[in-house]
C-alpha atoms as a PDB file:
ATOM      1  CA  MET A   1      -3.788 -38.477 -15.614  1.00  0.00           C
ATOM      2  CA  VAL A   2      -6.647 -36.378 -17.029  1.00  0.00           C
ATOM      3  CA  ALA A   3      -8.959 -37.518 -14.242  1.00  0.00           C
ATOM      4  CA  THR A   4      -6.345 -36.768 -11.587  1.00  0.00           C
ATOM      5  CA  SER A   5      -5.720 -33.291 -13.027  1.00  0.00           C
ATOM      6  CA  ALA A   6      -9.451 -32.515 -13.143  1.00  0.00           C
ATOM      7  CA  TYR A   7      -9.870 -33.653  -9.539  1.00  0.00           C
ATOM      8  CA  ALA A   8      -6.965 -31.476  -8.373  1.00  0.00           C
ATOM      9  CA  GLN A   9      -8.403 -28.446 -10.152  1.00  0.00           C
ATOM     10  CA  GLU A  10     -11.840 -29.052  -8.617  1.00  0.00           C
ATOM     11  CA  ASP A  11     -10.263 -29.530  -5.190  1.00  0.00           C
ATOM     12  CA  ASP A  12      -8.563 -26.131  -5.488  1.00  0.00           C
ATOM     13  CA  LYS A  13     -11.862 -24.278  -5.835  1.00  0.00           C
ATOM     14  CA  GLY A  14     -13.656 -22.642  -2.913  1.00  0.00           C
ATOM     15  CA  PHE A  15     -13.839 -19.776  -0.474  1.00  0.00           C
ATOM     16  CA  TYR A  16     -10.774 -18.769   1.507  1.00  0.00           C
ATOM     17  CA  ALA A  17      -9.616 -16.312   4.165  1.00  0.00           C
ATOM     18  CA  VAL A  18      -6.273 -14.511   4.030  1.00  0.00           C
ATOM     19  CA  ALA A  19      -4.033 -12.557   6.407  1.00  0.00           C
ATOM     20  CA  ARG A  20      -0.911 -10.651   5.334  1.00  0.00           C
ATOM     21  CA  ALA A  21       1.699  -8.578   7.165  1.00  0.00           C
ATOM     22  CA  GLY A  22       4.958  -6.975   6.130  1.00  0.00           C
ATOM     23  CA  MET A  23       7.043  -3.851   5.705  1.00  0.00           C
ATOM     24  CA  ALA A  24       6.784  -0.901   3.354  1.00  0.00           C
ATOM     25  CA  VAL A  25      10.459  -0.786   2.353  1.00  0.00           C
ATOM     26  CA  ASN A  26      10.677   2.158  -0.058  1.00  0.00           C
ATOM     27  CA  PRO A  27       7.736   4.507   0.574  1.00  0.00           C
ATOM     28  CA  ASP A  28       7.501   8.148  -0.484  1.00  0.00           C
ATOM     29  CA  GLN A  29       5.017  10.849  -1.345  1.00  0.00           C
ATOM     30  CA  LYS A  30       5.182  13.308  -4.222  1.00  0.00           C
ATOM     31  CA  LEU A  31       3.811  16.820  -4.391  1.00  0.00           C
ATOM     32  CA  ASN A  32       3.223  18.479  -7.762  1.00  0.00           C
ATOM     33  CA  ALA A  33       5.909  21.197  -7.958  1.00  0.00           C
ATOM     34  CA  ALA A  34       3.680  23.375 -10.169  1.00  0.00           C
ATOM     35  CA  ASP A  35       0.979  23.457  -7.478  1.00  0.00           C
ATOM     36  CA  LEU A  36       3.267  24.195  -4.517  1.00  0.00           C
ATOM     37  CA  PRO A  37       3.040  27.684  -2.986  1.00  0.00           C
ATOM     38  CA  SER A  38       6.066  29.886  -3.764  1.00  0.00           C
ATOM     39  CA  GLU A  39       7.193  29.875  -0.117  1.00  0.00           C
ATOM     40  CA  ALA A  40       6.571  26.174   0.509  1.00  0.00           C
ATOM     41  CA  THR A  41       9.237  24.544   2.660  1.00  0.00           C
ATOM     42  CA  PHE A  42       8.339  20.983   1.621  1.00  0.00           C
ATOM     43  CA  ASP A  43      10.416  19.148  -0.962  1.00  0.00           C
ATOM     44  CA  GLU A  44       8.653  17.890  -4.067  1.00  0.00           C
ATOM     45  CA  LYS A  45       9.355  14.329  -2.873  1.00  0.00           C
ATOM     46  CA  THR A  46       9.368  13.212   0.757  1.00  0.00           C
ATOM     47  CA  LYS A  47      10.660   9.774   1.689  1.00  0.00           C
ATOM     48  CA  PHE A  48       9.424   7.696   4.614  1.00  0.00           C
ATOM     49  CA  LYS A  49      11.097   5.265   6.953  1.00  0.00           C
ATOM     50  CA  SER A  50      10.170   1.624   6.522  1.00  0.00           C
ATOM     51  CA  GLY A  51       6.805   1.035   8.167  1.00  0.00           C
ATOM     52  CA  PHE A  52       4.255  -1.655   8.972  1.00  0.00           C
ATOM     53  CA  THR A  53       1.572  -2.779   6.559  1.00  0.00           C
ATOM     54  CA  GLY A  54      -1.001  -5.527   6.932  1.00  0.00           C
ATOM     55  CA  GLU A  55      -4.409  -6.676   5.734  1.00  0.00           C
ATOM     56  CA  LEU A  56      -7.196  -9.191   6.311  1.00  0.00           C
ATOM     57  CA  GLY A  57      -9.603 -10.438   3.703  1.00  0.00           C
ATOM     58  CA  GLY A  58     -11.392 -13.230   1.953  1.00  0.00           C
ATOM     59  CA  GLY A  59     -12.108 -14.420  -1.536  1.00  0.00           C
ATOM     60  CA  TYR A  60     -13.083 -17.208  -3.879  1.00  0.00           C
ATOM     61  CA  ASP A  61     -10.634 -19.432  -5.749  1.00  0.00           C
ATOM     62  CA  PHE A  62     -11.908 -20.580  -9.180  1.00  0.00           C
ATOM     63  CA  GLY A  63      -8.923 -22.869  -9.713  1.00  0.00           C
ATOM     64  CA  MET A  64      -6.313 -20.742 -11.488  1.00  0.00           C
ATOM     65  CA  PHE A  65      -8.079 -17.414 -10.892  1.00  0.00           C
ATOM     66  CA  ARG A  66      -8.967 -15.773  -7.575  1.00  0.00           C
ATOM     67  CA  ILE A  67     -11.123 -12.765  -6.657  1.00  0.00           C
ATOM     68  CA  GLU A  68     -10.496 -11.236  -3.257  1.00  0.00           C
ATOM     69  CA  GLN A  69     -11.700  -8.399  -1.027  1.00  0.00           C
ATOM     70  CA  ALA A  70      -9.485  -7.120   1.784  1.00  0.00           C
ATOM     71  CA  GLY A  71      -9.089  -4.310   4.262  1.00  0.00           C
ATOM     72  CA  GLY A  72      -5.694  -3.087   5.405  1.00  0.00           C
ATOM     73  CA  TYR A  73      -3.618  -0.574   7.301  1.00  0.00           C
ATOM     74  CA  MET A  74      -0.201   1.041   6.997  1.00  0.00           C
ATOM     75  CA  SER A  75       1.694   3.542   9.111  1.00  0.00           C
ATOM     76  CA  LEU A  76       4.654   5.622   7.892  1.00  0.00           C
ATOM     77  CA  LYS A  77       6.917   8.273   9.376  1.00  0.00           C
ATOM     78  CA  ALA A  78       8.741  10.819   7.202  1.00  0.00           C
ATOM     79  CA  LYS A  79      12.518  11.047   7.090  1.00  0.00           C
ATOM     80  CA  GLY A  80      14.882  13.743   5.824  1.00  0.00           C
ATOM     81  CA  MET A  81      12.710  16.553   7.212  1.00  0.00           C
ATOM     82  CA  ASN A  82      15.622  17.799   9.332  1.00  0.00           C
ATOM     83  CA  SER A  83      18.410  18.760   6.957  1.00  0.00           C
ATOM     84  CA  GLY A  84      20.501  21.889   6.482  1.00  0.00           C
ATOM     85  CA  ASP A  85      18.526  24.898   7.712  1.00  0.00           C
ATOM     86  CA  PHE A  86      15.262  22.940   7.780  1.00  0.00           C
ATOM     87  CA  SER A  87      13.532  21.208  10.674  1.00  0.00           C
ATOM     88  CA  GLY A  88      10.256  19.346  10.731  1.00  0.00           C
ATOM     89  CA  GLU A  89       8.408  16.091  11.031  1.00  0.00           C
ATOM     90  CA  GLY A  90       5.648  14.212   9.319  1.00  0.00           C
ATOM     91  CA  ARG A  91       3.652  11.013   9.454  1.00  0.00           C
ATOM     92  CA  THR A  92       0.942   9.276   7.481  1.00  0.00           C
ATOM     93  CA  LYS A  93      -1.517   6.533   8.402  1.00  0.00           C
ATOM     94  CA  ALA A  94      -3.871   4.880   5.949  1.00  0.00           C
ATOM     95  CA  MET A  95      -6.762   2.438   6.259  1.00  0.00           C
ATOM     96  CA  TYR A  96      -8.135   0.971   3.050  1.00  0.00           C
ATOM     97  CA  VAL A  97     -10.502  -1.489   1.441  1.00  0.00           C
ATOM     98  CA  GLN A  98      -9.747  -3.016  -1.947  1.00  0.00           C
ATOM     99  CA  LEU A  99     -10.997  -5.559  -4.467  1.00  0.00           C
ATOM    100  CA  GLY A 100      -8.289  -7.657  -6.092  1.00  0.00           C
ATOM    101  CA  ALA A 101      -7.871 -10.364  -8.713  1.00  0.00           C
ATOM    102  CA  TYR A 102      -5.036 -12.898  -8.973  1.00  0.00           C
ATOM    103  CA  VAL A 103      -3.851 -15.546 -11.417  1.00  0.00           C
ATOM    104  CA  ASP A 104      -2.066 -18.607  -9.981  1.00  0.00           C
ATOM    105  CA  ILE A 105       0.424 -20.132 -12.428  1.00  0.00           C
ATOM    106  CA  PRO A 106       0.282 -23.973 -12.191  1.00  0.00           C
ATOM    107  CA  THR A 107       3.615 -25.771 -11.953  1.00  0.00           C
ATOM    108  CA  GLY A 108       2.485 -29.265 -11.022  1.00  0.00           C
ATOM    109  CA  THR A 109       4.173 -28.867  -7.623  1.00  0.00           C
ATOM    110  CA  MET A 110       3.296 -27.416  -4.228  1.00  0.00           C
ATOM    111  CA  ILE A 111       4.835 -24.070  -5.337  1.00  0.00           C
ATOM    112  CA  GLU A 112       2.709 -21.727  -7.471  1.00  0.00           C
ATOM    113  CA  PRO A 113       3.780 -18.237  -8.577  1.00  0.00           C
ATOM    114  CA  PHE A 114       1.008 -15.653  -8.853  1.00  0.00           C
ATOM    115  CA  VAL A 115       0.420 -12.173 -10.244  1.00  0.00           C
ATOM    116  CA  GLY A 116      -2.429  -9.775  -9.719  1.00  0.00           C
ATOM    117  CA  GLY A 117      -3.584  -6.408  -8.512  1.00  0.00           C
ATOM    118  CA  GLY A 118      -6.517  -4.453  -7.234  1.00  0.00           C
ATOM    119  CA  VAL A 119      -8.284  -1.139  -6.764  1.00  0.00           C
ATOM    120  CA  GLY A 120      -9.985   0.455  -3.787  1.00  0.00           C
ATOM    121  CA  VAL A 121     -10.266   3.491  -1.551  1.00  0.00           C
ATOM    122  CA  ALA A 122      -8.057   4.635   1.310  1.00  0.00           C
ATOM    123  CA  ARG A 123      -8.739   6.914   4.266  1.00  0.00           C
ATOM    124  CA  VAL A 124      -5.469   8.777   4.829  1.00  0.00           C
ATOM    125  CA  ASP A 125      -4.599  10.613   8.051  1.00  0.00           C
ATOM    126  CA  ALA A 126      -1.608  12.934   7.488  1.00  0.00           C
ATOM    127  CA  GLU A 127       0.267  15.487   9.591  1.00  0.00           C
ATOM    128  CA  PHE A 128       3.284  17.382   8.225  1.00  0.00           C
ATOM    129  CA  GLY A 129       5.185  20.495   9.217  1.00  0.00           C
ATOM    130  CA  ARG A 130       8.545  21.939   8.115  1.00  0.00           C
ATOM    131  CA  THR A 131      10.330  25.214   8.904  1.00  0.00           C
ATOM    132  CA  ASP A 132      13.127  27.058   7.136  1.00  0.00           C
ATOM    133  CA  ASN A 133      15.031  28.257  10.208  1.00  0.00           C
ATOM    134  CA  LEU A 134      17.177  30.648   8.149  1.00  0.00           C
ATOM    135  CA  LEU A 135      14.295  32.521   6.519  1.00  0.00           C
ATOM    136  CA  GLY A 136      11.774  31.914   9.288  1.00  0.00           C
ATOM    137  CA  THR A 137       9.112  30.556   6.911  1.00  0.00           C
ATOM    138  CA  SER A 138       7.167  27.360   7.413  1.00  0.00           C
ATOM    139  CA  SER A 139       4.606  25.093   5.776  1.00  0.00           C
ATOM    140  CA  SER A 140       2.218  22.640   7.412  1.00  0.00           C
ATOM    141  CA  TYR A 141      -0.889  20.604   6.776  1.00  0.00           C
ATOM    142  CA  SER A 142      -2.917  17.987   8.608  1.00  0.00           C
ATOM    143  CA  GLY A 143      -6.212  16.225   8.240  1.00  0.00           C
ATOM    144  CA  LYS A 144      -7.972  13.200   6.802  1.00  0.00           C
ATOM    145  CA  ASP A 145      -9.118  12.536   3.265  1.00  0.00           C
ATOM    146  CA  TRP A 146     -10.258   9.723   0.974  1.00  0.00           C
ATOM    147  CA  GLY A 147      -8.070   8.751  -1.960  1.00  0.00           C
ATOM    148  CA  LEU A 148      -8.061   6.279  -4.837  1.00  0.00           C
ATOM    149  CA  LEU A 149      -5.825   3.257  -4.223  1.00  0.00           C
ATOM    150  CA  TRP A 150      -4.479   0.749  -6.715  1.00  0.00           C
ATOM    151  CA  HIS A 151      -1.819  -1.940  -6.370  1.00  0.00           C
ATOM    152  CA  ALA A 152       0.086  -4.531  -8.415  1.00  0.00           C
ATOM    153  CA  ASP A 153       1.364  -7.765  -6.859  1.00  0.00           C
ATOM    154  CA  ALA A 154       3.687 -10.652  -7.703  1.00  0.00           C
ATOM    155  CA  GLY A 155       4.673 -13.533  -5.463  1.00  0.00           C
ATOM    156  CA  VAL A 156       4.862 -17.231  -4.747  1.00  0.00           C
ATOM    157  CA  GLY A 157       2.400 -19.451  -2.894  1.00  0.00           C
ATOM    158  CA  VAL A 158       3.494 -22.656  -1.165  1.00  0.00           C
ATOM    159  CA  LYS A 159       0.790 -25.212  -0.359  1.00  0.00           C
ATOM    160  CA  VAL A 160       1.966 -26.498   3.021  1.00  0.00           C
ATOM    161  CA  ALA A 161      -1.280 -28.418   3.768  1.00  0.00           C
ATOM    162  CA  PRO A 162      -4.420 -29.355   1.788  1.00  0.00           C
ATOM    163  CA  LYS A 163      -6.201 -26.205   2.962  1.00  0.00           C
ATOM    164  CA  VAL A 164      -3.277 -23.909   3.822  1.00  0.00           C
ATOM    165  CA  THR A 165      -1.101 -21.864   1.463  1.00  0.00           C
ATOM    166  CA  VAL A 166       1.748 -19.642   2.673  1.00  0.00           C
ATOM    167  CA  GLU A 167       2.598 -16.796   0.326  1.00  0.00           C
ATOM    168  CA  VAL A 168       5.525 -14.397  -0.037  1.00  0.00           C
ATOM    169  CA  ALA A 169       4.864 -11.373  -2.237  1.00  0.00           C
ATOM    170  CA  GLY A 170       5.918  -7.930  -3.317  1.00  0.00           C
ATOM    171  CA  ARG A 171       3.430  -5.120  -3.868  1.00  0.00           C
ATOM    172  CA  TYR A 172       3.499  -1.665  -5.409  1.00  0.00           C
ATOM    173  CA  THR A 173       0.756   0.619  -4.063  1.00  0.00           C
ATOM    174  CA  GLN A 174      -0.255   4.128  -5.066  1.00  0.00           C
ATOM    175  CA  ILE A 175      -2.808   6.425  -3.405  1.00  0.00           C
ATOM    176  CA  SER A 176      -3.836   9.580  -5.266  1.00  0.00           C
ATOM    177  CA  GLY A 177      -6.615  12.154  -5.257  1.00  0.00           C
ATOM    178  CA  LEU A 178      -5.774  13.392  -1.743  1.00  0.00           C
ATOM    179  CA  LYS A 179      -6.255  17.018  -0.744  1.00  0.00           C
ATOM    180  CA  PHE A 180      -5.276  18.640   2.560  1.00  0.00           C
ATOM    181  CA  ASP A 181      -5.783  22.220   3.735  1.00  0.00           C
ATOM    182  CA  GLY A 182      -2.717  23.817   5.264  1.00  0.00           C
ATOM    183  CA  VAL A 183      -0.610  26.943   5.672  1.00  0.00           C
ATOM    184  CA  SER A 184       2.506  28.056   3.800  1.00  0.00           C
ATOM    185  CA  GLY A 185       4.365  31.322   4.430  1.00  0.00           C
ATOM    186  CA  GLY A 186       1.506  32.544   6.601  1.00  0.00           C
ATOM    187  CA  GLN A 187      -1.066  32.040   3.829  1.00  0.00           C
ATOM    188  CA  ALA A 188      -3.721  29.375   3.382  1.00  0.00           C
ATOM    189  CA  ALA A 189      -2.592  26.633   1.019  1.00  0.00           C
ATOM    190  CA  VAL A 190      -3.766  23.294  -0.362  1.00  0.00           C
ATOM    191  CA  PHE A 191      -1.465  20.273  -0.635  1.00  0.00           C
ATOM    192  CA  GLU A 192      -2.218  17.264  -2.849  1.00  0.00           C
ATOM    193  CA  PRO A 193       0.271  14.446  -2.181  1.00  0.00           C
ATOM    194  CA  THR A 194       0.454  11.153  -4.063  1.00  0.00           C
ATOM    195  CA  MET A 195       1.629   8.257  -1.901  1.00  0.00           C
ATOM    196  CA  ARG A 196       3.751   5.480  -3.421  1.00  0.00           C
ATOM    197  CA  THR A 197       4.813   2.353  -1.571  1.00  0.00           C
ATOM    198  CA  LEU A 198       6.817  -0.755  -2.389  1.00  0.00           C
ATOM    199  CA  SER A 199       6.268  -3.439   0.242  1.00  0.00           C
ATOM    200  CA  GLY A 200       7.115  -7.037   0.984  1.00  0.00           C
ATOM    201  CA  THR A 201       4.581  -9.262   2.748  1.00  0.00           C
ATOM    202  CA  VAL A 202       4.141 -12.762   4.114  1.00  0.00           C
ATOM    203  CA  GLY A 203       0.641 -14.172   4.174  1.00  0.00           C
ATOM    204  CA  VAL A 204      -1.458 -17.236   4.918  1.00  0.00           C
ATOM    205  CA  ARG A 205      -4.492 -18.344   2.909  1.00  0.00           C
ATOM    206  CA  TYR A 206      -6.907 -20.852   4.460  1.00  0.00           C
ATOM    207  CA  LYS A 207      -9.423 -22.557   2.213  1.00  0.00           C
ATOM    208  CA  PHE A 208     -12.773 -23.615   3.667  1.00  0.00           C
END
């Protein structure tokens, strides 16, 4: 039994490639209320519709511990911008690269839960505008900026073939440190949103 276990652990080691795709199911962005201009027409929190997220990467599996590098993309469109006397629209796109680490929890079966997380940088492209039709004031910003990204993951991997593992996972992602120049009430303004996303993904890992 010891020999068999050692062989299985050795067999699990090696380089692998991974592809994931899914939906951001509860995304939003938060603006610091204390930093908002007095005539800002944006809410402190803006929610997004569910949007696409996906990534490609590769890593090395040490047996129970994996290190992985991946690049990804997500696209989100704001909701709730048209309400009451307000009208507007907004969207955000982000491309990122991140370095992650994962722990696979052995169960002695083809199913292995895992937990992990990672850090990286994201290039965010944002465009937002909202008008108070009653008062005639408006706020807007657009542009691209780099932000700090971190994420925490939990999921289950199913080994469907000797070299292939299908995974289902949930991920919380946050991007901060963003700064966009804009206009509010006819005056120059700076907006610093923090993006927060909860997503569900399905992925495939192939071991070489």
